[in-house]
Amino acid sequence: MLPEKVNLYDGAYGNYSLQPFAHIRIETYGDDLGQTSWVTKEESAAIPGLLKLTTDSNVLEIGCGSGAYALHISEKVGCHIVGTDINASGIENANRLSHLRNLDERANFQQCDVSTKLPFQSDIFDAVFANDVLCHIKERSSVLAEIYRVLKRKGLMLFSDALVIGGIISHEEIATRSSIGFYVFSPPGENERLMQQTGFRVIAATDTTDSAASIARKWRDAREKYKDELIKAEGTQTYDGLQRFLDCVRTLTEEKRLLRFLYLAQKEG
């Protein structure tokens, strides 16, 4: 029997302020930026530099989740940032945090489905990034075309994809790896092809699979440590399902049967 679907994101964003969830984020990533991705602390710190952000930058994050990382960038760099996510709980939390931190003038968040069209004018952003998000969205070529449209000439795009196929994967493993939502798996080189087809110049494609494996292991272990509190908050079925999911991610990435890449590209125009 294949695993049932498990709701990671409503629980993560709806329970954002509960102490066990904050402790888990710190023990998994080394800091608390509301993470539900495979982005390490080092990668988080490097992103503003890779995107060449300044106080004058106008930035878009696709799949902002709880909004904490976007707010962290806005505070650190002083840039203006817009975050989008399809999850209502994430956007509600992001706007609440923005208000609490007095960042309403520099950061705002809106719910939207980016698989259709980005609700922005053309040529307005200096940089666009998406951490482990595009693998959730249908029609990746259309999403890349929309990112290209809203970027200014010479604007930079950064995104990561943790579902690049690196070896043989069973249908049970695919089902478990996909149990928290819709996913698209990519063959090696496909993201580069799609970016170039859209008009981007690919600057770098960096293999970060080992980091993803480490996060999956730490995340799973941290959740086990707070098992009783998590079961009270999310229920036994969700708790068990997410532990299976994280075990699967750890196995597939440690064995390099699923790879994670970080891509950096530029709109030449």
Protein backbone atom coordinates (compact mmCIF):
# COMPACT_ATOMS: atom_id res chain seq x y z
CA MET A 1 0.00 0.00 0.00
CA LEU A 2 1.36 3.42 -0.98
CA PRO A 3 1.67 6.10 1.74
CA GLU A 4 -1.15 8.58 2.28
CA LYS A 5 -0.66 12.28 1.63
CA VAL A 6 0.70 14.25 4.58
CA ASN A 7 0.21 17.98 5.23
CA LEU A 8 3.60 19.47 6.09
CA TYR A 9 3.02 23.12 5.29
CA ASP A 10 -0.24 23.93 7.08
CA GLY A 11 1.22 22.43 10.25
CA ALA A 12 4.60 24.14 9.88
CA TYR A 13 3.10 27.59 9.23
CA GLY A 14 0.03 27.25 11.45
CA ASN A 15 2.19 26.11 14.38
CA TYR A 16 5.05 28.50 13.56
CA SER A 17 5.11 30.19 16.96
CA LEU A 18 4.94 27.00 19.05
CA GLN A 19 8.21 26.32 20.89
CA PRO A 20 8.78 22.72 19.68
CA PHE A 21 8.65 23.86 16.06
CA ALA A 22 11.10 26.71 16.74
CA HIS A 23 13.44 24.31 18.56
CA ILE A 24 13.29 21.89 15.63
CA ARG A 25 14.19 24.62 13.14
CA ILE A 26 17.18 25.68 15.25
CA GLU A 27 18.41 22.10 15.73
CA THR A 28 17.96 21.33 12.03
CA TYR A 29 19.40 24.47 10.45
CA GLY A 30 21.42 26.17 13.17
CA ASP A 31 19.10 29.20 13.23
CA ASP A 32 15.39 29.95 12.99
CA LEU A 33 14.27 31.52 9.73
CA GLY A 34 11.00 29.62 9.48
CA GLN A 35 12.59 27.03 7.22
CA THR A 36 10.83 24.05 5.63
CA SER A 37 13.41 23.48 2.90
CA TRP A 38 16.84 21.94 2.29
CA VAL A 39 18.68 25.28 2.48
CA THR A 40 21.61 25.20 4.89
CA LYS A 41 22.64 28.10 7.10
CA GLU A 42 25.64 28.66 4.82
CA GLU A 43 23.48 28.72 1.68
CA SER A 44 21.04 31.14 3.32
CA ALA A 45 23.92 33.46 4.16
CA ALA A 46 25.30 33.26 0.60
CA ILE A 47 22.09 34.03 -1.31
CA PRO A 48 22.13 37.86 -0.92
CA GLY A 49 25.69 37.95 -2.25
CA LEU A 50 24.93 35.61 -5.14
CA LEU A 51 22.02 37.84 -6.13
CA LYS A 52 24.16 40.99 -5.64
CA LEU A 53 21.51 42.58 -3.42
CA THR A 54 21.87 46.18 -2.24
CA THR A 55 19.69 48.67 -0.41
CA ASP A 56 18.30 49.71 -3.81
CA SER A 57 17.32 46.18 -4.88
CA ASN A 58 13.71 45.21 -5.53
CA VAL A 59 13.46 41.47 -4.81
CA LEU A 60 10.85 38.76 -5.31
CA GLU A 61 10.76 35.47 -3.40
CA ILE A 62 8.56 32.76 -4.89
CA GLY A 63 7.37 30.32 -2.23
CA CYS A 64 8.15 32.52 0.76
CA GLY A 65 6.41 30.22 3.26
CA SER A 66 6.36 31.83 6.70
CA GLY A 67 8.18 34.91 5.38
CA ALA A 68 10.96 34.82 7.98
CA TYR A 69 13.80 34.41 5.48
CA ALA A 70 12.56 37.23 3.24
CA LEU A 71 12.32 39.49 6.30
CA HIS A 72 15.81 38.44 7.36
CA ILE A 73 17.17 39.52 3.96
CA SER A 74 15.29 42.81 4.08
CA GLU A 75 16.68 43.55 7.55
CA LYS A 76 20.22 42.48 6.65
CA VAL A 77 20.51 44.19 3.27
CA GLY A 78 17.92 46.96 3.51
CA CYS A 79 16.28 45.99 0.23
CA HIS A 80 12.61 45.94 -0.70
CA ILE A 81 11.18 42.43 -0.97
CA VAL A 82 7.89 40.87 -2.04
CA GLY A 83 7.03 37.32 -1.06
CA THR A 84 4.44 35.06 -2.68
CA ASP A 85 3.09 31.70 -1.60
CA ILE A 86 0.02 29.60 -2.33
CA ASN A 87 -0.37 28.70 1.36
CA ALA A 88 -2.72 31.09 3.20
CA SER A 89 -1.30 30.26 6.64
CA GLY A 90 2.21 31.07 5.44
CA ILE A 91 1.18 34.46 4.04
CA GLU A 92 -0.80 35.33 7.16
CA ASN A 93 2.23 34.52 9.30
CA ALA A 94 4.58 36.46 7.00
CA ASN A 95 2.51 39.64 7.14
CA ARG A 96 2.17 39.31 10.91
CA LEU A 97 5.96 39.02 11.29
CA SER A 98 6.51 41.96 8.94
CA HIS A 99 4.24 44.14 11.06
CA LEU A 100 5.84 43.00 14.32
CA ARG A 101 9.31 43.87 12.98
CA ASN A 102 8.19 47.25 11.59
CA LEU A 103 9.11 46.21 8.07
CA ASP A 104 5.78 46.92 6.37
CA GLU A 105 7.32 49.62 4.19
CA ARG A 106 10.07 47.33 2.88
CA ALA A 107 8.43 43.88 2.84
CA ASN A 108 5.01 42.63 1.84
CA PHE A 109 3.51 39.24 1.13
CA GLN A 110 0.63 38.03 -1.00
CA GLN A 111 -1.04 34.73 -1.68
CA CYS A 112 -1.01 33.65 -5.30
CA ASP A 113 -0.68 30.60 -7.53
CA VAL A 114 2.49 31.21 -9.53
CA SER A 115 1.69 28.31 -11.86
CA THR A 116 -0.68 30.69 -13.67
CA LYS A 117 0.85 34.18 -13.89
CA LEU A 118 2.85 36.38 -11.57
CA PRO A 119 0.71 39.39 -10.49
CA PHE A 120 3.42 41.95 -11.27
CA GLN A 121 4.37 44.30 -14.07
CA SER A 122 7.23 43.43 -16.40
CA ASP A 123 10.84 44.46 -15.76
CA ILE A 124 10.46 45.53 -12.12
CA PHE A 125 12.61 43.16 -10.04
CA ASP A 126 16.39 43.17 -9.74
CA ALA A 127 16.41 39.60 -8.43
CA VAL A 128 14.06 36.64 -8.04
CA PHE A 129 14.70 33.55 -5.94
CA ALA A 130 12.86 30.37 -4.98
CA ASN A 131 14.18 27.89 -2.42
CA ASP A 132 13.07 24.31 -3.22
CA VAL A 133 9.79 25.55 -4.70
CA LEU A 134 9.76 25.13 -8.49
CA CYS A 135 9.64 21.34 -8.11
CA HIS A 136 6.10 21.85 -6.69
CA ILE A 137 4.83 23.76 -9.73
CA LYS A 138 3.45 22.46 -13.01
CA GLU A 139 4.71 23.86 -16.32
CA ARG A 140 8.17 24.90 -15.18
CA SER A 141 8.90 26.49 -18.53
CA SER A 142 5.92 28.84 -18.04
CA VAL A 143 7.10 29.77 -14.52
CA LEU A 144 10.61 30.52 -15.82
CA ALA A 145 9.10 32.65 -18.58
CA GLU A 146 7.16 34.64 -15.99
CA ILE A 147 10.28 35.12 -13.87
CA TYR A 148 12.10 36.30 -16.99
CA ARG A 149 9.27 38.75 -17.72
CA VAL A 150 9.25 40.42 -14.28
CA LEU A 151 13.05 40.65 -14.04
CA LYS A 152 14.86 43.77 -15.18
CA ARG A 153 17.51 43.41 -17.87
CA LYS A 154 20.62 41.87 -16.26
CA GLY A 155 18.48 40.78 -13.30
CA LEU A 156 19.47 37.60 -11.48
CA MET A 157 17.46 34.47 -10.72
CA LEU A 158 18.35 31.80 -8.16
CA PHE A 159 16.45 28.61 -7.46
CA SER A 160 17.09 25.15 -6.07
CA ASP A 161 15.69 21.80 -7.17
CA ALA A 162 15.95 18.80 -4.84
CA LEU A 163 14.30 16.40 -7.29
CA VAL A 164 16.93 15.88 -9.97
CA ILE A 165 17.05 12.17 -10.73
CA GLY A 166 20.40 10.58 -10.03
CA GLY A 167 19.64 6.86 -10.02
CA ILE A 168 17.01 4.15 -9.84
CA ILE A 169 14.00 5.00 -7.64
CA SER A 170 11.09 2.66 -6.90
CA HIS A 171 7.45 3.70 -7.22
CA GLU A 172 7.08 3.33 -3.43
CA GLU A 173 9.98 5.73 -2.88
CA ILE A 174 8.56 8.21 -5.38
CA ALA A 175 5.18 8.04 -3.60
CA THR A 176 6.78 8.58 -0.18
CA ARG A 177 8.98 11.42 -1.44
CA SER A 178 5.87 13.03 -2.97
CA SER A 179 3.61 12.44 0.03
CA ILE A 180 3.63 16.07 1.22
CA GLY A 181 2.33 17.53 -2.05
CA PHE A 182 2.55 17.77 -5.83
CA TYR A 183 6.05 17.19 -7.22
CA VAL A 184 7.84 17.20 -10.56
CA PHE A 185 11.04 15.13 -10.94
CA SER A 186 13.65 16.27 -13.47
CA PRO A 187 16.38 14.49 -15.42
CA PRO A 188 19.93 15.88 -15.17
CA GLY A 189 20.44 18.91 -17.40
CA GLU A 190 16.74 19.68 -17.86
CA ASN A 191 16.72 22.81 -15.70
CA GLU A 192 19.70 24.19 -17.59
CA ARG A 193 17.96 23.46 -20.91
CA LEU A 194 14.73 25.16 -19.81
CA MET A 195 16.56 28.25 -18.52
CA GLN A 196 18.51 28.63 -21.75
CA GLN A 197 15.35 28.06 -23.78
CA THR A 198 13.67 30.88 -21.84
CA GLY A 199 16.55 33.26 -22.56
CA PHE A 200 18.55 33.06 -19.35
CA ARG A 201 22.31 32.80 -19.25
CA VAL A 202 23.15 30.03 -16.80
CA ILE A 203 25.91 31.20 -14.47
CA ALA A 204 26.21 28.21 -12.16
CA ALA A 205 24.65 24.85 -11.30
CA THR A 206 25.99 23.67 -7.94
CA ASP A 207 25.43 20.18 -6.52
CA THR A 208 24.18 20.56 -2.93
CA THR A 209 22.94 16.99 -2.44
CA ASP A 210 25.12 16.27 0.59
CA SER A 211 23.70 19.29 2.40
CA ALA A 212 20.14 18.15 1.68
CA ALA A 213 20.91 14.72 3.11
CA SER A 214 22.33 16.29 6.26
CA ILE A 215 19.26 18.49 6.77
CA ALA A 216 16.88 15.57 6.26
CA ARG A 217 18.73 13.57 8.90
CA LYS A 218 18.84 16.46 11.40
CA TRP A 219 15.20 17.38 10.77
CA ARG A 220 14.04 13.80 11.32
CA ASP A 221 16.10 13.42 14.50
CA ALA A 222 14.94 16.76 15.91
CA ARG A 223 11.31 15.83 15.33
CA GLU A 224 11.87 12.51 17.08
CA LYS A 225 13.25 14.39 20.08
CA TYR A 226 10.00 16.40 20.37
CA LYS A 227 7.70 13.53 19.41
CA ASP A 228 5.17 13.92 22.23
CA GLU A 229 4.72 17.66 21.68
CA LEU A 230 4.43 17.23 17.91
CA ILE A 231 1.79 14.51 18.19
CA LYS A 232 -0.28 16.86 20.35
CA ALA A 233 0.03 19.61 17.73
CA GLU A 234 -0.27 17.68 14.47
CA GLY A 235 -1.62 14.22 15.34
CA THR A 236 -0.06 10.76 15.18
CA GLN A 237 -0.84 10.20 11.49
CA THR A 238 0.85 13.41 10.37
CA TYR A 239 3.79 12.89 12.71
CA ASP A 240 4.42 9.34 11.41
CA GLY A 241 3.93 10.40 7.80
CA LEU A 242 6.45 13.23 8.03
CA GLN A 243 9.00 10.97 9.71
CA ARG A 244 8.63 8.49 6.81
CA PHE A 245 9.01 11.36 4.37
CA LEU A 246 12.21 12.62 6.00
CA ASP A 247 13.65 9.09 6.20
CA CYS A 248 12.98 8.70 2.48
CA VAL A 249 14.64 12.02 1.63
CA ARG A 250 17.67 11.11 3.70
CA THR A 251 18.04 7.71 2.04
CA LEU A 252 17.59 8.93 -1.54
CA THR A 253 19.98 11.86 -1.14
CA GLU A 254 22.64 9.97 0.82
CA GLU A 255 22.65 7.32 -1.91
CA LYS A 256 22.66 10.04 -4.62
CA ARG A 257 19.57 8.60 -6.26
CA LEU A 258 17.95 12.01 -5.92
CA LEU A 259 20.13 15.10 -6.31
CA ARG A 260 19.72 18.72 -5.27
CA PHE A 261 21.14 21.53 -7.37
CA LEU A 262 21.33 25.28 -6.81
CA TYR A 263 21.02 27.31 -10.01
CA LEU A 264 22.04 30.90 -10.68
CA ALA A 265 21.13 32.61 -13.97
CA GLN A 266 20.85 36.07 -15.50
CA LYS A 267 18.37 37.74 -17.80
CA GLU A 268 20.43 39.19 -20.63
CA GLY A 269 17.54 40.51 -22.70
